[in-house]
Structures are given as C-alpha cells and as structure tokens.
Amino acid sequence: VWRDQILAAVQVVAPAPMTPRPDPIPRLQAPAPVVDREDVLTP
C-alpha cells in the first residue's frame, strides 16, 4: 500500500502538468487622466 503512495508522490509515471503561477505582483489600475497639477496632488 505504501509503495503506491510513494510512486504517486514522485510522479514519475505521469508527472503533473506545470500550471503557470499567478503574477505575485498586483497590477495597479491606471489613474484617471491628469487635467492639471492640482488634480495630481489631490485627486
């Protein structure tokens, strides 16, 4: 029984497909268009 568990763990028979990892860096939403300097400092 334990041998089957070991073979499943090493995944030599059918290795699990590699799935892309989520981007660890959160993507920020672009700010609204800047009208003038005052809008940038106090949006």
PDB file of all heavy atoms in Angstrom:
ATOM      1  N   VAL A   1       0.836  -1.205   0.000  1.00  0.00           N
ATOM      2  CA  VAL A   1       0.000   0.000   0.000  1.00  0.00           C
ATOM      3  C   VAL A   1       0.865   1.248   0.000  1.00  0.00           C
ATOM      4  O   VAL A   1       0.619   2.208  -0.744  1.00  0.00           O
ATOM      5  CB  VAL A   1      -0.948  -0.011   1.218  1.00  0.00           C
ATOM      6  CG1 VAL A   1      -1.705   1.307   1.319  1.00  0.00           C
ATOM      7  CG2 VAL A   1      -1.915  -1.178   1.125  1.00  0.00           C
ATOM      8  N   TRP A   2       1.899   1.253   0.812  1.00  0.00           N
ATOM      9  CA  TRP A   2       2.735   2.437   0.947  1.00  0.00           C
ATOM     10  C   TRP A   2       3.568   2.671  -0.313  1.00  0.00           C
ATOM     11  O   TRP A   2       3.856   3.815  -0.667  1.00  0.00           O
ATOM     12  CB  TRP A   2       3.625   2.314   2.169  1.00  0.00           C
ATOM     13  CG  TRP A   2       4.246   3.599   2.609  1.00  0.00           C
ATOM     14  CD1 TRP A   2       5.568   3.862   2.760  1.00  0.00           C
ATOM     15  CD2 TRP A   2       3.566   4.799   2.970  1.00  0.00           C
ATOM     16  NE1 TRP A   2       5.757   5.150   3.184  1.00  0.00           N
ATOM     17  CE2 TRP A   2       4.538   5.749   3.329  1.00  0.00           C
ATOM     18  CE3 TRP A   2       2.218   5.168   3.022  1.00  0.00           C
ATOM     19  CZ2 TRP A   2       4.225   7.046   3.725  1.00  0.00           C
ATOM     20  CZ3 TRP A   2       1.891   6.454   3.420  1.00  0.00           C
ATOM     21  CH2 TRP A   2       2.882   7.382   3.767  1.00  0.00           C
ATOM     22  N   ARG A   3       3.917   1.608  -0.980  1.00  0.00           N
ATOM     23  CA  ARG A   3       4.665   1.749  -2.229  1.00  0.00           C
ATOM     24  C   ARG A   3       3.866   2.535  -3.261  1.00  0.00           C
ATOM     25  O   ARG A   3       4.403   3.379  -3.984  1.00  0.00           O
ATOM     26  CB  ARG A   3       5.014   0.360  -2.736  1.00  0.00           C
ATOM     27  CG  ARG A   3       5.515   0.335  -4.172  1.00  0.00           C
ATOM     28  CD  ARG A   3       4.393  -0.037  -5.121  1.00  0.00           C
ATOM     29  NE  ARG A   3       4.821  -1.107  -5.994  1.00  0.00           N
ATOM     30  CZ  ARG A   3       3.999  -1.740  -6.797  1.00  0.00           C
ATOM     31  NH1 ARG A   3       2.712  -1.456  -6.792  1.00  0.00           N
ATOM     32  NH2 ARG A   3       4.435  -2.680  -7.587  1.00  0.00           N
ATOM     33  N   ASP A   4       2.555   2.305  -3.330  1.00  0.00           N
ATOM     34  CA  ASP A   4       1.720   3.055  -4.257  1.00  0.00           C
ATOM     35  C   ASP A   4       1.700   4.536  -3.899  1.00  0.00           C
ATOM     36  O   ASP A   4       1.679   5.404  -4.779  1.00  0.00           O
ATOM     37  CB  ASP A   4       0.298   2.497  -4.254  1.00  0.00           C
ATOM     38  CG  ASP A   4       0.241   1.078  -4.814  1.00  0.00           C
ATOM     39  OD1 ASP A   4       1.182   0.695  -5.543  1.00  0.00           O
ATOM     40  OD2 ASP A   4      -0.736   0.361  -4.511  1.00  0.00           O
ATOM     41  N   GLN A   5       1.709   4.845  -2.606  1.00  0.00           N
ATOM     42  CA  GLN A   5       1.750   6.235  -2.175  1.00  0.00           C
ATOM     43  C   GLN A   5       3.072   6.899  -2.582  1.00  0.00           C
ATOM     44  O   GLN A   5       3.103   8.062  -2.988  1.00  0.00           O
ATOM     45  CB  GLN A   5       1.579   6.312  -0.652  1.00  0.00           C
ATOM     46  CG  GLN A   5       0.251   5.805  -0.128  1.00  0.00           C
ATOM     47  CD  GLN A   5      -0.904   6.677  -0.563  1.00  0.00           C
ATOM     48  OE1 GLN A   5      -0.782   7.904  -0.648  1.00  0.00           O
ATOM     49  NE2 GLN A   5      -2.039   6.062  -0.846  1.00  0.00           N
ATOM     50  N   ILE A   6       4.155   6.153  -2.474  1.00  0.00           N
ATOM     51  CA  ILE A   6       5.463   6.710  -2.840  1.00  0.00           C
ATOM     52  C   ILE A   6       5.533   6.980  -4.342  1.00  0.00           C
ATOM     53  O   ILE A   6       5.997   8.042  -4.777  1.00  0.00           O
ATOM     54  CB  ILE A   6       6.583   5.745  -2.412  1.00  0.00           C
ATOM     55  CG1 ILE A   6       6.604   5.595  -0.891  1.00  0.00           C
ATOM     56  CG2 ILE A   6       7.945   6.239  -2.904  1.00  0.00           C
ATOM     57  CD1 ILE A   6       7.525   4.508  -0.388  1.00  0.00           C
ATOM     58  N   LEU A   7       5.053   6.038  -5.138  1.00  0.00           N
ATOM     59  CA  LEU A   7       5.090   6.222  -6.588  1.00  0.00           C
ATOM     60  C   LEU A   7       4.227   7.403  -7.021  1.00  0.00           C
ATOM     61  O   LEU A   7       4.581   8.133  -7.949  1.00  0.00           O
ATOM     62  CB  LEU A   7       4.614   4.940  -7.285  1.00  0.00           C
ATOM     63  CG  LEU A   7       5.501   3.708  -7.091  1.00  0.00           C
ATOM     64  CD1 LEU A   7       4.911   2.512  -7.826  1.00  0.00           C
ATOM     65  CD2 LEU A   7       6.919   3.974  -7.548  1.00  0.00           C
ATOM     66  N   ALA A   8       3.113   7.590  -6.336  1.00  0.00           N
ATOM     67  CA  ALA A   8       2.281   8.749  -6.649  1.00  0.00           C
ATOM     68  C   ALA A   8       2.991  10.046  -6.268  1.00  0.00           C
ATOM     69  O   ALA A   8       2.867  11.062  -6.952  1.00  0.00           O
ATOM     70  CB  ALA A   8       0.944   8.646  -5.921  1.00  0.00           C
ATOM     71  N   ALA A   9       3.759  10.007  -5.177  1.00  0.00           N
ATOM     72  CA  ALA A   9       4.449  11.218  -4.713  1.00  0.00           C
ATOM     73  C   ALA A   9       5.585  11.616  -5.643  1.00  0.00           C
ATOM     74  O   ALA A   9       5.791  12.809  -5.904  1.00  0.00           O
ATOM     75  CB  ALA A   9       4.986  11.002  -3.297  1.00  0.00           C
ATOM     76  N   VAL A  10       6.331  10.655  -6.160  1.00  0.00           N
ATOM     77  CA  VAL A  10       7.452  11.008  -7.033  1.00  0.00           C
ATOM     78  C   VAL A  10       6.987  11.371  -8.436  1.00  0.00           C
ATOM     79  O   VAL A  10       7.713  12.036  -9.185  1.00  0.00           O
ATOM     80  CB  VAL A  10       8.497   9.875  -7.101  1.00  0.00           C
ATOM     81  CG1 VAL A  10       9.109   9.629  -5.748  1.00  0.00           C
ATOM     82  CG2 VAL A  10       7.897   8.590  -7.636  1.00  0.00           C
ATOM     83  N   GLN A  11       5.778  10.947  -8.804  1.00  0.00           N
ATOM     84  CA  GLN A  11       5.153  11.349 -10.065  1.00  0.00           C
ATOM     85  C   GLN A  11       6.044  11.062 -11.269  1.00  0.00           C
ATOM     86  O   GLN A  11       6.189  11.881 -12.169  1.00  0.00           O
ATOM     87  CB  GLN A  11       4.803  12.841 -10.032  1.00  0.00           C
ATOM     88  CG  GLN A  11       3.769  13.194  -8.995  1.00  0.00           C
ATOM     89  CD  GLN A  11       3.421  14.670  -9.001  1.00  0.00           C
ATOM     90  OE1 GLN A  11       4.161  15.470  -9.567  1.00  0.00           O
ATOM     91  NE2 GLN A  11       2.333  15.039  -8.387  1.00  0.00           N
ATOM     92  N   VAL A  12       6.640   9.880 -11.287  1.00  0.00           N
ATOM     93  CA  VAL A  12       7.467   9.513 -12.429  1.00  0.00           C
ATOM     94  C   VAL A  12       6.611   8.935 -13.546  1.00  0.00           C
ATOM     95  O   VAL A  12       6.880   9.141 -14.721  1.00  0.00           O
ATOM     96  CB  VAL A  12       8.547   8.496 -12.003  1.00  0.00           C
ATOM     97  CG1 VAL A  12       9.293   7.968 -13.207  1.00  0.00           C
ATOM     98  CG2 VAL A  12       9.512   9.157 -11.048  1.00  0.00           C
ATOM     99  N   VAL A  13       5.544   8.236 -13.162  1.00  0.00           N
ATOM    100  CA  VAL A  13       4.707   7.595 -14.173  1.00  0.00           C
ATOM    101  C   VAL A  13       3.993   8.637 -15.018  1.00  0.00           C
ATOM    102  O   VAL A  13       4.025   8.615 -16.236  1.00  0.00           O
ATOM    103  CB  VAL A  13       3.677   6.662 -13.499  1.00  0.00           C
ATOM    104  CG1 VAL A  13       2.789   6.030 -14.548  1.00  0.00           C
ATOM    105  CG2 VAL A  13       4.395   5.597 -12.690  1.00  0.00           C
ATOM    106  N   ALA A  14       3.344   9.571 -14.381  1.00  0.00           N
ATOM    107  CA  ALA A  14       2.636  10.634 -15.094  1.00  0.00           C
ATOM    108  C   ALA A  14       2.810  11.933 -14.332  1.00  0.00           C
ATOM    109  O   ALA A  14       2.017  12.262 -13.466  1.00  0.00           O
ATOM    110  CB  ALA A  14       1.146  10.288 -15.216  1.00  0.00           C
ATOM    111  N   PRO A  15       3.865  12.677 -14.612  1.00  0.00           N
ATOM    112  CA  PRO A  15       4.091  13.903 -13.868  1.00  0.00           C
ATOM    113  C   PRO A  15       2.962  14.892 -14.052  1.00  0.00           C
ATOM    114  O   PRO A  15       2.391  14.999 -15.129  1.00  0.00           O
ATOM    115  CB  PRO A  15       5.409  14.448 -14.445  1.00  0.00           C
ATOM    116  CG  PRO A  15       5.780  13.582 -15.571  1.00  0.00           C
ATOM    117  CD  PRO A  15       4.853  12.421 -15.632  1.00  0.00           C
ATOM    118  N   ALA A  16       2.631  15.567 -12.985  1.00  0.00           N
ATOM    119  CA  ALA A  16       1.559  16.551 -13.037  1.00  0.00           C
ATOM    120  C   ALA A  16       1.978  17.711 -13.940  1.00  0.00           C
ATOM    121  O   ALA A  16       3.123  18.144 -13.914  1.00  0.00           O
ATOM    122  CB  ALA A  16       1.253  17.066 -11.630  1.00  0.00           C
ATOM    123  N   PRO A  17       1.074  18.221 -14.787  1.00  0.00           N
ATOM    124  CA  PRO A  17       1.441  19.331 -15.664  1.00  0.00           C
ATOM    125  C   PRO A  17       1.741  20.585 -14.857  1.00  0.00           C
ATOM    126  O   PRO A  17       1.127  20.846 -13.831  1.00  0.00           O
ATOM    127  CB  PRO A  17       0.184  19.514 -16.535  1.00  0.00           C
ATOM    128  CG  PRO A  17      -0.930  18.938 -15.712  1.00  0.00           C
ATOM    129  CD  PRO A  17      -0.316  17.812 -14.927  1.00  0.00           C
ATOM    130  N   MET A  18       2.694  21.325 -15.355  1.00  0.00           N
ATOM    131  CA  MET A  18       3.055  22.569 -14.693  1.00  0.00           C
ATOM    132  C   MET A  18       2.004  23.620 -15.008  1.00  0.00           C
ATOM    133  O   MET A  18       1.675  23.876 -16.162  1.00  0.00           O
ATOM    134  CB  MET A  18       4.431  23.045 -15.159  1.00  0.00           C
ATOM    135  CG  MET A  18       5.563  22.098 -14.794  1.00  0.00           C
ATOM    136  SD  MET A  18       5.824  21.997 -13.016  1.00  0.00           S
ATOM    137  CE  MET A  18       6.454  23.648 -12.701  1.00  0.00           C
ATOM    138  N   THR A  19       1.451  24.226 -13.998  1.00  0.00           N
ATOM    139  CA  THR A  19       0.470  25.287 -14.188  1.00  0.00           C
ATOM    140  C   THR A  19       1.133  26.620 -13.913  1.00  0.00           C
ATOM    141  O   THR A  19       1.917  26.748 -12.972  1.00  0.00           O
ATOM    142  CB  THR A  19      -0.721  25.108 -13.234  1.00  0.00           C
ATOM    143  OG1 THR A  19      -0.228  25.035 -11.886  1.00  0.00           O
ATOM    144  CG2 THR A  19      -1.468  23.821 -13.551  1.00  0.00           C
ATOM    145  N   PRO A  20       0.864  27.633 -14.744  1.00  0.00           N
ATOM    146  CA  PRO A  20       1.501  28.933 -14.503  1.00  0.00           C
ATOM    147  C   PRO A  20       1.070  29.525 -13.183  1.00  0.00           C
ATOM    148  O   PRO A  20      -0.099  29.459 -12.804  1.00  0.00           O
ATOM    149  CB  PRO A  20       1.016  29.792 -15.682  1.00  0.00           C
ATOM    150  CG  PRO A  20      -0.239  29.112 -16.150  1.00  0.00           C
ATOM    151  CD  PRO A  20      -0.050  27.645 -15.877  1.00  0.00           C
ATOM    152  N   ARG A  21       2.029  30.057 -12.473  1.00  0.00           N
ATOM    153  CA  ARG A  21       1.714  30.685 -11.197  1.00  0.00           C
ATOM    154  C   ARG A  21       1.098  32.055 -11.426  1.00  0.00           C
ATOM    155  O   ARG A  21       1.457  32.753 -12.373  1.00  0.00           O
ATOM    156  CB  ARG A  21       2.982  30.828 -10.358  1.00  0.00           C
ATOM    157  CG  ARG A  21       3.597  29.498  -9.958  1.00  0.00           C
ATOM    158  CD  ARG A  21       4.814  29.728  -9.096  1.00  0.00           C
ATOM    159  NE  ARG A  21       5.399  28.467  -8.661  1.00  0.00           N
ATOM    160  CZ  ARG A  21       6.478  28.384  -7.899  1.00  0.00           C
ATOM    161  NH1 ARG A  21       7.092  29.474  -7.484  1.00  0.00           N
ATOM    162  NH2 ARG A  21       6.952  27.206  -7.556  1.00  0.00           N
ATOM    163  N   PRO A  22       0.187  32.467 -10.541  1.00  0.00           N
ATOM    164  CA  PRO A  22      -0.372  33.821 -10.676  1.00  0.00           C
ATOM    165  C   PRO A  22       0.712  34.855 -10.457  1.00  0.00           C
ATOM    166  O   PRO A  22       1.674  34.639  -9.734  1.00  0.00           O
ATOM    167  CB  PRO A  22      -1.436  33.880  -9.564  1.00  0.00           C
ATOM    168  CG  PRO A  22      -1.029  32.817  -8.600  1.00  0.00           C
ATOM    169  CD  PRO A  22      -0.366  31.738  -9.408  1.00  0.00           C
ATOM    170  N   ASP A  23       0.538  35.986 -11.123  1.00  0.00           N
ATOM    171  CA  ASP A  23       1.515  37.063 -11.003  1.00  0.00           C
ATOM    172  C   ASP A  23       1.582  37.510  -9.553  1.00  0.00           C
ATOM    173  O   ASP A  23       0.577  37.957  -8.992  1.00  0.00           O
ATOM    174  CB  ASP A  23       1.099  38.244 -11.891  1.00  0.00           C
ATOM    175  CG  ASP A  23       2.223  39.266 -12.023  1.00  0.00           C
ATOM    176  OD1 ASP A  23       3.173  39.187 -11.218  1.00  0.00           O
ATOM    177  OD2 ASP A  23       2.140  40.123 -12.908  1.00  0.00           O
ATOM    178  N   PRO A  24       2.738  37.371  -8.880  1.00  0.00           N
ATOM    179  CA  PRO A  24       2.810  37.754  -7.473  1.00  0.00           C
ATOM    180  C   PRO A  24       2.727  39.257  -7.247  1.00  0.00           C
ATOM    181  O   PRO A  24       2.501  39.710  -6.150  1.00  0.00           O
ATOM    182  CB  PRO A  24       4.181  37.218  -7.031  1.00  0.00           C
ATOM    183  CG  PRO A  24       4.985  37.205  -8.289  1.00  0.00           C
ATOM    184  CD  PRO A  24       4.020  36.873  -9.387  1.00  0.00           C
ATOM    185  N   ILE A  25       2.936  40.036  -8.318  1.00  0.00           N
ATOM    186  CA  ILE A  25       2.899  41.496  -8.171  1.00  0.00           C
ATOM    187  C   ILE A  25       1.522  41.980  -8.587  1.00  0.00           C
ATOM    188  O   ILE A  25       1.116  41.814  -9.740  1.00  0.00           O
ATOM    189  CB  ILE A  25       3.965  42.175  -9.033  1.00  0.00           C
ATOM    190  CG1 ILE A  25       5.349  41.618  -8.671  1.00  0.00           C
ATOM    191  CG2 ILE A  25       3.918  43.680  -8.890  1.00  0.00           C
ATOM    192  CD1 ILE A  25       6.449  42.138  -9.539  1.00  0.00           C
ATOM    193  N   PRO A  26       0.731  42.581  -7.691  1.00  0.00           N
ATOM    194  CA  PRO A  26      -0.601  43.055  -8.063  1.00  0.00           C
ATOM    195  C   PRO A  26      -0.523  44.159  -9.112  1.00  0.00           C
ATOM    196  O   PRO A  26       0.335  45.042  -9.047  1.00  0.00           O
ATOM    197  CB  PRO A  26      -1.177  43.574  -6.739  1.00  0.00           C
ATOM    198  CG  PRO A  26       0.019  43.871  -5.903  1.00  0.00           C
ATOM    199  CD  PRO A  26       1.076  42.897  -6.307  1.00  0.00           C
ATOM    200  N   ARG A  27      -1.396  44.087 -10.069  1.00  0.00           N
ATOM    201  CA  ARG A  27      -1.415  45.087 -11.133  1.00  0.00           C
ATOM    202  C   ARG A  27      -2.295  46.263 -10.689  1.00  0.00           C
ATOM    203  O   ARG A  27      -3.459  46.085 -10.361  1.00  0.00           O
ATOM    204  CB  ARG A  27      -1.951  44.484 -12.428  1.00  0.00           C
ATOM    205  CG  ARG A  27      -1.094  43.332 -12.936  1.00  0.00           C
ATOM    206  CD  ARG A  27      -1.580  42.859 -14.296  1.00  0.00           C
ATOM    207  NE  ARG A  27      -0.768  41.769 -14.780  1.00  0.00           N
ATOM    208  CZ  ARG A  27       0.389  41.921 -15.422  1.00  0.00           C
ATOM    209  NH1 ARG A  27       0.851  43.143 -15.624  1.00  0.00           N
ATOM    210  NH2 ARG A  27       1.078  40.877 -15.837  1.00  0.00           N
ATOM    211  N   LEU A  28      -1.742  47.465 -10.705  1.00  0.00           N
ATOM    212  CA  LEU A  28      -2.472  48.649 -10.290  1.00  0.00           C
ATOM    213  C   LEU A  28      -3.284  49.194 -11.451  1.00  0.00           C
ATOM    214  O   LEU A  28      -2.834  49.222 -12.596  1.00  0.00           O
ATOM    215  CB  LEU A  28      -1.506  49.735  -9.791  1.00  0.00           C
ATOM    216  CG  LEU A  28      -0.652  49.352  -8.578  1.00  0.00           C
ATOM    217  CD1 LEU A  28       0.286  50.487  -8.234  1.00  0.00           C
ATOM    218  CD2 LEU A  28      -1.540  49.033  -7.385  1.00  0.00           C
ATOM    219  N   GLN A  29      -4.483  49.660 -11.147  1.00  0.00           N
ATOM    220  CA  GLN A  29      -5.325  50.262 -12.167  1.00  0.00           C
ATOM    221  C   GLN A  29      -4.808  51.652 -12.497  1.00  0.00           C
ATOM    222  O   GLN A  29      -4.424  52.421 -11.608  1.00  0.00           O
ATOM    223  CB  GLN A  29      -6.774  50.349 -11.663  1.00  0.00           C
ATOM    224  CG  GLN A  29      -7.745  50.830 -12.739  1.00  0.00           C
ATOM    225  CD  GLN A  29      -9.158  50.819 -12.228  1.00  0.00           C
ATOM    226  OE1 GLN A  29      -9.372  50.452 -11.078  1.00  0.00           O
ATOM    227  NE2 GLN A  29     -10.103  51.191 -13.049  1.00  0.00           N
ATOM    228  N   ALA A  30      -4.768  51.953 -13.776  1.00  0.00           N
ATOM    229  CA  ALA A  30      -4.236  53.256 -14.177  1.00  0.00           C
ATOM    230  C   ALA A  30      -5.117  54.366 -13.630  1.00  0.00           C
ATOM    231  O   ALA A  30      -6.344  54.278 -13.655  1.00  0.00           O
ATOM    232  CB  ALA A  30      -4.180  53.337 -15.698  1.00  0.00           C
ATOM    233  N   PRO A  31      -4.513  55.449 -13.109  1.00  0.00           N
ATOM    234  CA  PRO A  31      -5.311  56.567 -12.581  1.00  0.00           C
ATOM    235  C   PRO A  31      -6.013  57.325 -13.701  1.00  0.00           C
ATOM    236  O   PRO A  31      -5.692  57.175 -14.877  1.00  0.00           O
ATOM    237  CB  PRO A  31      -4.260  57.427 -11.886  1.00  0.00           C
ATOM    238  CG  PRO A  31      -2.984  57.105 -12.581  1.00  0.00           C
ATOM    239  CD  PRO A  31      -3.081  55.663 -12.970  1.00  0.00           C
ATOM    240  N   ALA A  32      -6.982  58.125 -13.304  1.00  0.00           N
ATOM    241  CA  ALA A  32      -7.727  58.930 -14.275  1.00  0.00           C
ATOM    242  C   ALA A  32      -6.783  59.923 -14.948  1.00  0.00           C
ATOM    243  O   ALA A  32      -5.743  60.290 -14.402  1.00  0.00           O
ATOM    244  CB  ALA A  32      -8.856  59.675 -13.560  1.00  0.00           C
ATOM    245  N   PRO A  33      -7.106  60.352 -16.179  1.00  0.00           N
ATOM    246  CA  PRO A  33      -6.243  61.309 -16.885  1.00  0.00           C
ATOM    247  C   PRO A  33      -6.006  62.568 -16.055  1.00  0.00           C
ATOM    248  O   PRO A  33      -6.901  63.080 -15.386  1.00  0.00           O
ATOM    249  CB  PRO A  33      -7.033  61.625 -18.156  1.00  0.00           C
ATOM    250  CG  PRO A  33      -7.946  60.461 -18.338  1.00  0.00           C
ATOM    251  CD  PRO A  33      -8.279  59.975 -16.976  1.00  0.00           C
ATOM    252  N   VAL A  34      -4.801  63.056 -16.121  1.00  0.00           N
ATOM    253  CA  VAL A  34      -4.423  64.246 -15.351  1.00  0.00           C
ATOM    254  C   VAL A  34      -4.838  65.486 -16.107  1.00  0.00           C
ATOM    255  O   VAL A  34      -4.508  65.652 -17.288  1.00  0.00           O
ATOM    256  CB  VAL A  34      -2.907  64.259 -15.111  1.00  0.00           C
ATOM    257  CG1 VAL A  34      -2.500  65.521 -14.376  1.00  0.00           C
ATOM    258  CG2 VAL A  34      -2.490  63.035 -14.310  1.00  0.00           C
ATOM    259  N   VAL A  35      -5.573  66.342 -15.434  1.00  0.00           N
ATOM    260  CA  VAL A  35      -6.006  67.592 -16.059  1.00  0.00           C
ATOM    261  C   VAL A  35      -5.020  68.705 -15.770  1.00  0.00           C
ATOM    262  O   VAL A  35      -4.535  69.394 -16.647  1.00  0.00           O
ATOM    263  CB  VAL A  35      -7.419  67.985 -15.573  1.00  0.00           C
ATOM    264  CG1 VAL A  35      -7.853  69.297 -16.194  1.00  0.00           C
ATOM    265  CG2 VAL A  35      -8.396  66.880 -15.936  1.00  0.00           C
ATOM    266  N   ASP A  36      -4.733  68.900 -14.499  1.00  0.00           N
ATOM    267  CA  ASP A  36      -3.720  69.897 -14.149  1.00  0.00           C
ATOM    268  C   ASP A  36      -2.993  69.414 -12.903  1.00  0.00           C
ATOM    269  O   ASP A  36      -3.307  68.380 -12.337  1.00  0.00           O
ATOM    270  CB  ASP A  36      -4.345  71.280 -13.925  1.00  0.00           C
ATOM    271  CG  ASP A  36      -5.472  71.242 -12.889  1.00  0.00           C
ATOM    272  OD1 ASP A  36      -5.402  70.381 -11.958  1.00  0.00           O
ATOM    273  OD2 ASP A  36      -6.398  72.038 -12.989  1.00  0.00           O
ATOM    274  N   ARG A  37      -2.023  70.172 -12.467  1.00  0.00           N
ATOM    275  CA  ARG A  37      -1.181  69.756 -11.362  1.00  0.00           C
ATOM    276  C   ARG A  37      -1.964  69.585 -10.074  1.00  0.00           C
ATOM    277  O   ARG A  37      -1.696  68.699  -9.268  1.00  0.00           O
ATOM    278  CB  ARG A  37      -0.056  70.774 -11.177  1.00  0.00           C
ATOM    279  CG  ARG A  37       0.900  70.403 -10.074  1.00  0.00           C
ATOM    280  CD  ARG A  37       2.096  71.299 -10.106  1.00  0.00           C
ATOM    281  NE  ARG A  37       2.998  70.993  -9.014  1.00  0.00           N
ATOM    282  CZ  ARG A  37       4.178  71.566  -8.853  1.00  0.00           C
ATOM    283  NH1 ARG A  37       4.600  72.472  -9.719  1.00  0.00           N
ATOM    284  NH2 ARG A  37       4.949  71.244  -7.839  1.00  0.00           N
ATOM    285  N   GLU A  38      -2.968  70.408  -9.893  1.00  0.00           N
ATOM    286  CA  GLU A  38      -3.737  70.325  -8.660  1.00  0.00           C
ATOM    287  C   GLU A  38      -4.465  68.995  -8.581  1.00  0.00           C
ATOM    288  O   GLU A  38      -4.595  68.407  -7.521  1.00  0.00           O
ATOM    289  CB  GLU A  38      -4.720  71.483  -8.578  1.00  0.00           C
ATOM    290  CG  GLU A  38      -5.523  71.498  -7.275  1.00  0.00           C
ATOM    291  CD  GLU A  38      -6.447  72.695  -7.216  1.00  0.00           C
ATOM    292  OE1 GLU A  38      -6.427  73.502  -8.163  1.00  0.00           O
ATOM    293  OE2 GLU A  38      -7.187  72.797  -6.227  1.00  0.00           O
ATOM    294  N   ASP A  39      -4.946  68.483  -9.754  1.00  0.00           N
ATOM    295  CA  ASP A  39      -5.637  67.198  -9.759  1.00  0.00           C
ATOM    296  C   ASP A  39      -4.705  66.053  -9.382  1.00  0.00           C
ATOM    297  O   ASP A  39      -5.112  65.064  -8.802  1.00  0.00           O
ATOM    298  CB  ASP A  39      -6.243  66.931 -11.139  1.00  0.00           C
ATOM    299  CG  ASP A  39      -7.420  67.831 -11.416  1.00  0.00           C
ATOM    300  OD1 ASP A  39      -8.025  68.312 -10.432  1.00  0.00           O
ATOM    301  OD2 ASP A  39      -7.715  68.053 -12.594  1.00  0.00           O
ATOM    302  N   VAL A  40      -3.415  66.176  -9.745  1.00  0.00           N
ATOM    303  CA  VAL A  40      -2.478  65.109  -9.430  1.00  0.00           C
ATOM    304  C   VAL A  40      -2.219  65.033  -7.944  1.00  0.00           C
ATOM    305  O   VAL A  40      -2.166  63.977  -7.342  1.00  0.00           O
ATOM    306  CB  VAL A  40      -1.154  65.333 -10.190  1.00  0.00           C
ATOM    307  CG1 VAL A  40      -0.110  64.326  -9.749  1.00  0.00           C
ATOM    308  CG2 VAL A  40      -1.390  65.247 -11.691  1.00  0.00           C
ATOM    309  N   LEU A  41      -2.075  66.165  -7.312  1.00  0.00           N
ATOM    310  CA  LEU A  41      -1.749  66.186  -5.891  1.00  0.00           C
ATOM    311  C   LEU A  41      -2.946  65.872  -5.020  1.00  0.00           C
ATOM    312  O   LEU A  41      -2.813  65.280  -3.962  1.00  0.00           O
ATOM    313  CB  LEU A  41      -1.175  67.556  -5.517  1.00  0.00           C
ATOM    314  CG  LEU A  41       0.129  67.923  -6.235  1.00  0.00           C
ATOM    315  CD1 LEU A  41       0.582  69.309  -5.806  1.00  0.00           C
ATOM    316  CD2 LEU A  41       1.227  66.907  -5.920  1.00  0.00           C
ATOM    317  N   THR A  42      -4.146  66.252  -5.457  1.00  0.00           N
ATOM    318  CA  THR A  42      -5.356  65.987  -4.663  1.00  0.00           C
ATOM    319  C   THR A  42      -6.440  65.451  -5.586  1.00  0.00           C
ATOM    320  O   THR A  42      -7.361  66.158  -5.943  1.00  0.00           O
ATOM    321  CB  THR A  42      -5.842  67.268  -3.971  1.00  0.00           C
ATOM    322  OG1 THR A  42      -6.078  68.262  -4.976  1.00  0.00           O
ATOM    323  CG2 THR A  42      -4.807  67.775  -2.980  1.00  0.00           C
ATOM    324  N   PRO A  43      -6.338  64.203  -6.034  1.00  0.00           N
ATOM    325  CA  PRO A  43      -7.343  63.658  -6.957  1.00  0.00           C
ATOM    326  C   PRO A  43      -8.665  63.408  -6.245  1.00  0.00           C
ATOM    327  O   PRO A  43      -8.722  63.237  -5.038  1.00  0.00           O
ATOM    328  CB  PRO A  43      -6.712  62.342  -7.401  1.00  0.00           C
ATOM    329  CG  PRO A  43      -5.818  61.957  -6.274  1.00  0.00           C
ATOM    330  CD  PRO A  43      -5.308  63.236  -5.692  1.00  0.00           C
TER     331      PRO A  43
END
